[in-house]
Amino acid sequence: MIKRLLLLFFSAPVLFALEPIAPLPTHLEDVDIAKAKLGRMLYLDPILSSDKNVSCHSCHSFDYGSADPNPVSLGVHGRKGDIQSPPIYNSRYNFKQFWNGRAKDLKEQLNGPLFNHAEMNMTPEEIETRLNENRTYQDLFKKIYGATPITVENVTDAIVEFEKALTTPNSRFDRYLRGEIKLSPDEEKGYEKFKSLGCVTCHNGINIGSNAFQKMGLFIDYPYDKKYQDRYAFTKKEIHKNVFKVPTLRNITLTAPFFHDANATTLEEAIEMMAHYNLGITLSKQDIALLVAFLKTLEGERPAILDLK
């Protein structure tokens, strides 16, 4: 028994260290809970949109892995967005924000939807006026930030603190990496296939993606449509056409449709398309099924902050 315990103790860190994917931490030590709970309230409140009908949650729903099941989201007055809404779970680990990486962090990202004409269509002054007229928010901000009036800087600070807490730990794969469980034979074969095919070249690290840019259509040209804001829209360099931030694969079972243009509605379809355009190969149905079995192990727990009283 002692020998088995010693083997488990020493082998788990070794497995974690040797793999190209790292588990999410089980606990967060850097989140101010009071601010995060205020941020949760703001995140769910349509008071931050000009027609008072759209909240952050409208486009990043917790029922769909913090993504939107529609090809594009609907903003104020039913205005359509121009690209698929990515999930915000675990986005604190993204190296850049937005599909084309034009925001360097969560704070900068938040200024996008709040002030975008098609999304929430607010101004800093309108946000401050509305919240300073609300007694509940007056009391909460005074208690947490110790000063009045409410400023837009404190509003974004609270929402970002909430978004920092939106992590989904303890997926089956994270627990496997920590040596706590074994994968099923199909899950393990799927992970080996994921590595041997080269998928792990882009989808690696703690977020299994979201740490690099890559061209959609690396081996076979993918249809280009300038309406989707790629890296080219940001840099104006031809080489950046159809280049996007590599999406995370965490909770991928919850976040269909897939890709910037929502062109794949099932995991099987998404895998088949990525194999074709970015690996230049055609996968068998058996290989696709194994990859799906592996991807299902990446679904983590619901973020604790969502249910915190």
Foldseek 3Di string as FASTA:
>chain_A
DVVVVVCLVPVLVVLQVPDQAHFDDPDDDPFDLLLLLVLVVQQPWLLLAPVRPAHVCQAQPLQQQGHHQDLFGFAPPRFTDLWGGAHLQVVQPFCADDFARPHRGQLRVVVDQSCPCGHRNDDQVSVLVSQQVDPVSCVSCCVPVVDDDDGVVSNSVSNRSNSVLRYFGDQLVNCVSSSNDDADPLLVVLVVLCVVLPVQVAQGYHQRFSHDKDAQQQPHDDDFDVSQDHNCVVVVDPVGGRITGTGGLASVQRHADDDGSSPRGHQLRVVQSCCCRVRVDGDDPSNSVSNVSNSNSRYGHGRPSVPDD
